[in-house]
Protein backbone atom coordinates (compact mmCIF):
# COMPACT_ATOMS: atom_id res chain seq x y z
CA UNK A 1 60.60 -4.08 68.12
CA UNK A 2 61.25 -4.75 71.77
CA UNK A 3 62.33 -8.31 72.62
CA UNK A 4 59.68 -10.49 74.23
CA UNK A 5 60.35 -10.93 77.94
CA UNK A 6 58.59 -13.63 79.90
CA UNK A 7 57.32 -13.70 83.46
CA UNK A 8 56.66 -17.46 83.29
CA UNK A 9 57.42 -20.38 80.96
CA UNK A 10 55.40 -20.72 77.75
CA UNK A 11 54.74 -24.21 76.35
CA UNK A 12 53.14 -25.59 73.19
CA UNK A 13 52.59 -29.13 71.97
CA UNK A 14 51.66 -30.04 68.41
CA UNK A 15 48.34 -31.87 68.21
CA UNK A 16 48.68 -35.57 67.57
CA UNK A 17 52.46 -35.67 67.79
CA UNK A 18 55.24 -35.64 70.30
CA UNK A 19 56.73 -32.36 69.10
CA UNK A 20 56.78 -29.51 71.56
CA UNK A 21 58.32 -26.14 72.28
CA UNK A 22 58.95 -24.27 75.50
CA UNK A 23 60.33 -20.81 76.24
CA UNK A 24 61.85 -20.25 79.65
CA UNK A 25 62.44 -16.76 81.09
CA UNK A 26 66.08 -15.75 80.75
CA UNK A 27 68.26 -12.65 80.66
CA UNK A 28 69.64 -13.55 77.23
CA UNK A 29 68.48 -15.41 74.15
CA UNK A 30 69.35 -19.06 73.62
CA UNK A 31 67.78 -21.45 71.10
CA UNK A 32 67.98 -25.24 71.46
CA UNK A 33 66.53 -27.83 69.09
CA UNK A 34 66.30 -31.59 69.21
CA UNK A 35 65.71 -34.11 66.44
CA UNK A 36 64.81 -37.77 66.59
CA UNK A 37 65.30 -39.66 63.35
CA UNK A 38 66.25 -42.95 64.99
CA UNK A 39 65.07 -44.89 61.93
CA UNK A 40 67.79 -43.10 59.94
CA UNK A 41 71.07 -43.89 61.66
CA UNK A 42 72.94 -41.17 59.74
CA UNK A 43 70.78 -38.54 61.48
CA UNK A 44 69.78 -40.35 64.67
CA UNK A 45 69.07 -38.17 67.70
CA UNK A 46 70.71 -34.75 67.74
CA UNK A 47 70.57 -31.60 69.85
CA UNK A 48 72.07 -28.21 69.03
CA UNK A 49 72.05 -25.05 71.11
CA UNK A 50 73.07 -21.55 70.08
CA UNK A 51 73.15 -18.13 71.72
CA UNK A 52 73.40 -15.14 69.40
CA UNK A 53 76.83 -13.56 69.61
CA UNK A 54 78.71 -11.33 67.20
CA UNK A 55 80.05 -13.28 64.25
CA UNK A 56 78.64 -16.70 65.21
CA UNK A 57 75.53 -16.87 63.02
CA UNK A 58 77.52 -16.92 59.76
CA UNK A 59 79.81 -19.70 60.94
CA UNK A 60 77.65 -21.82 63.25
CA UNK A 61 74.08 -21.63 61.90
CA UNK A 62 73.76 -20.14 58.40
CA UNK A 63 75.84 -22.80 56.55
CA UNK A 64 73.52 -25.63 57.70
CA UNK A 65 71.62 -27.04 54.72
CA UNK A 66 68.09 -28.32 54.71
CA UNK A 67 67.66 -32.07 54.46
CA UNK A 68 65.14 -34.58 53.23
CA UNK A 69 64.54 -38.27 53.64
CA UNK A 70 64.78 -40.24 50.42
CA UNK A 71 61.41 -41.95 50.97
CA UNK A 72 59.70 -38.54 51.16
CA UNK A 73 60.90 -37.32 47.75
CA UNK A 74 58.20 -38.87 45.54
CA UNK A 75 55.27 -37.85 47.79
CA UNK A 76 56.62 -34.28 48.08
CA UNK A 77 57.12 -33.97 44.33
CA UNK A 78 53.61 -35.39 43.74
CA UNK A 79 52.25 -32.52 45.87
CA UNK A 80 54.20 -29.96 43.82
CA UNK A 81 56.79 -29.34 46.54
CA UNK A 82 60.61 -29.15 46.39
CA UNK A 83 60.64 -28.06 42.75
CA UNK A 84 63.84 -26.06 43.20
CA UNK A 85 65.62 -28.63 45.34
CA UNK A 86 68.84 -30.23 44.20
CA UNK A 87 71.62 -32.28 45.71
CA UNK A 88 73.81 -29.19 45.51
CA UNK A 89 71.67 -27.19 47.96
CA UNK A 90 70.08 -29.84 50.19
CA UNK A 91 71.15 -33.00 51.97
CA UNK A 92 69.46 -36.28 51.14
CA UNK A 93 69.36 -39.12 53.65
CA UNK A 94 68.54 -42.71 52.73
CA UNK A 95 68.20 -45.60 55.16
CA UNK A 96 71.80 -46.48 54.25
CA UNK A 97 73.23 -43.01 54.96
CA UNK A 98 73.83 -39.63 53.36
CA UNK A 99 73.45 -39.73 49.59
CA UNK A 100 75.42 -36.52 49.09
CA UNK A 101 77.72 -35.98 52.07
CA UNK A 102 79.96 -34.97 53.58
CA UNK A 103 78.14 -32.87 56.15
CA UNK A 104 79.41 -29.42 57.04
CA UNK A 105 78.83 -30.24 60.73
CA UNK A 106 78.21 -33.60 62.42
CA UNK A 107 74.92 -32.10 63.68
CA UNK A 108 74.03 -30.22 60.49
CA UNK A 109 70.38 -31.40 60.48
CA UNK A 110 69.85 -30.04 64.02
CA UNK A 111 71.57 -26.78 63.09
CA UNK A 112 69.25 -26.40 60.11
CA UNK A 113 66.20 -27.03 62.33
CA UNK A 114 67.53 -24.25 64.58
CA UNK A 115 67.71 -22.02 61.51
CA UNK A 116 64.05 -22.88 60.79
CA UNK A 117 63.10 -22.02 64.38
CA UNK A 118 64.99 -18.75 64.16
CA UNK A 119 63.09 -17.80 61.01
CA UNK A 120 59.73 -18.63 62.58
CA UNK A 121 60.56 -16.63 65.72
CA UNK A 122 61.32 -13.67 63.45
CA UNK A 123 57.52 -13.24 63.39
CA UNK A 124 57.97 -11.62 66.81
CA UNK A 125 60.00 -8.76 65.34
CA UNK A 126 62.88 -9.42 67.76
CA UNK A 127 64.22 -12.61 69.32
CA UNK A 128 62.77 -13.30 72.77
CA UNK A 129 64.86 -12.91 75.89
CA UNK A 130 64.30 -16.55 76.74
CA UNK A 131 65.76 -20.00 76.41
CA UNK A 132 63.62 -21.48 73.64
CA UNK A 133 63.72 -25.26 73.37
CA UNK A 134 61.99 -27.16 70.55
CA UNK A 135 61.91 -30.94 70.26
CA UNK A 136 60.91 -32.79 67.09
CA UNK A 137 59.43 -29.50 65.97
CA UNK A 138 58.39 -28.24 62.57
CA UNK A 139 56.90 -24.99 61.24
CA UNK A 140 53.45 -25.45 62.83
CA UNK A 141 54.66 -25.78 66.46
CA UNK A 142 57.31 -23.10 65.84
CA UNK A 143 54.62 -20.65 64.75
CA UNK A 144 52.35 -21.74 67.62
CA UNK A 145 55.23 -21.00 70.00
CA UNK A 146 55.83 -17.58 68.42
CA UNK A 147 52.12 -16.80 68.79
CA UNK A 148 52.10 -17.97 72.42
CA UNK A 149 55.19 -15.84 73.14
CA UNK A 150 53.54 -12.80 71.56
CA UNK A 151 50.36 -13.38 73.60
CA UNK A 152 52.34 -13.85 76.84
CA UNK A 153 54.31 -10.69 76.15
CA UNK A 154 51.16 -8.68 75.34
CA UNK A 155 49.47 -9.99 78.49
CA UNK A 156 52.42 -9.11 80.73
CA UNK A 157 52.74 -5.70 79.08
CA UNK A 158 49.04 -4.99 79.60
CA UNK A 159 49.22 -6.17 83.20
CA UNK A 160 52.28 -4.05 83.90
CA UNK A 161 50.66 -0.92 82.40
CA UNK A 162 47.21 -1.51 83.97
């Protein structure tokens, strides 16, 4: 698949929240994510940015583990979620700090959110030639952004051909 190229910025905002995503036209791909878990000092506010380059995914992004907040465990289990989760494969954060540290990176939660964004953008078939920035995002706004990128690309392709 051809990478999505943008003629103008593409923005999405999740309904009822302050999470958002934007893709800015660029010559290369760059992904940036921001987290705000101010109520959990161990996570706090973090940003991480990554541009695909040979050999960097396996050392800078792939090792980042998913994480959960301790107060979310019971409700998630009650809904039948996280059945395969364990403290060996995921980080657990309590109000007091990391239950099962140490972290692989000081910004490991942000790196994992970037990994989530990368997976959701895979719906495009190829990473966009854009600087994609997501703040306080989750799967829904990530997918909305991928859909908006696909629509913008299709529109510009149709315009260019027509």
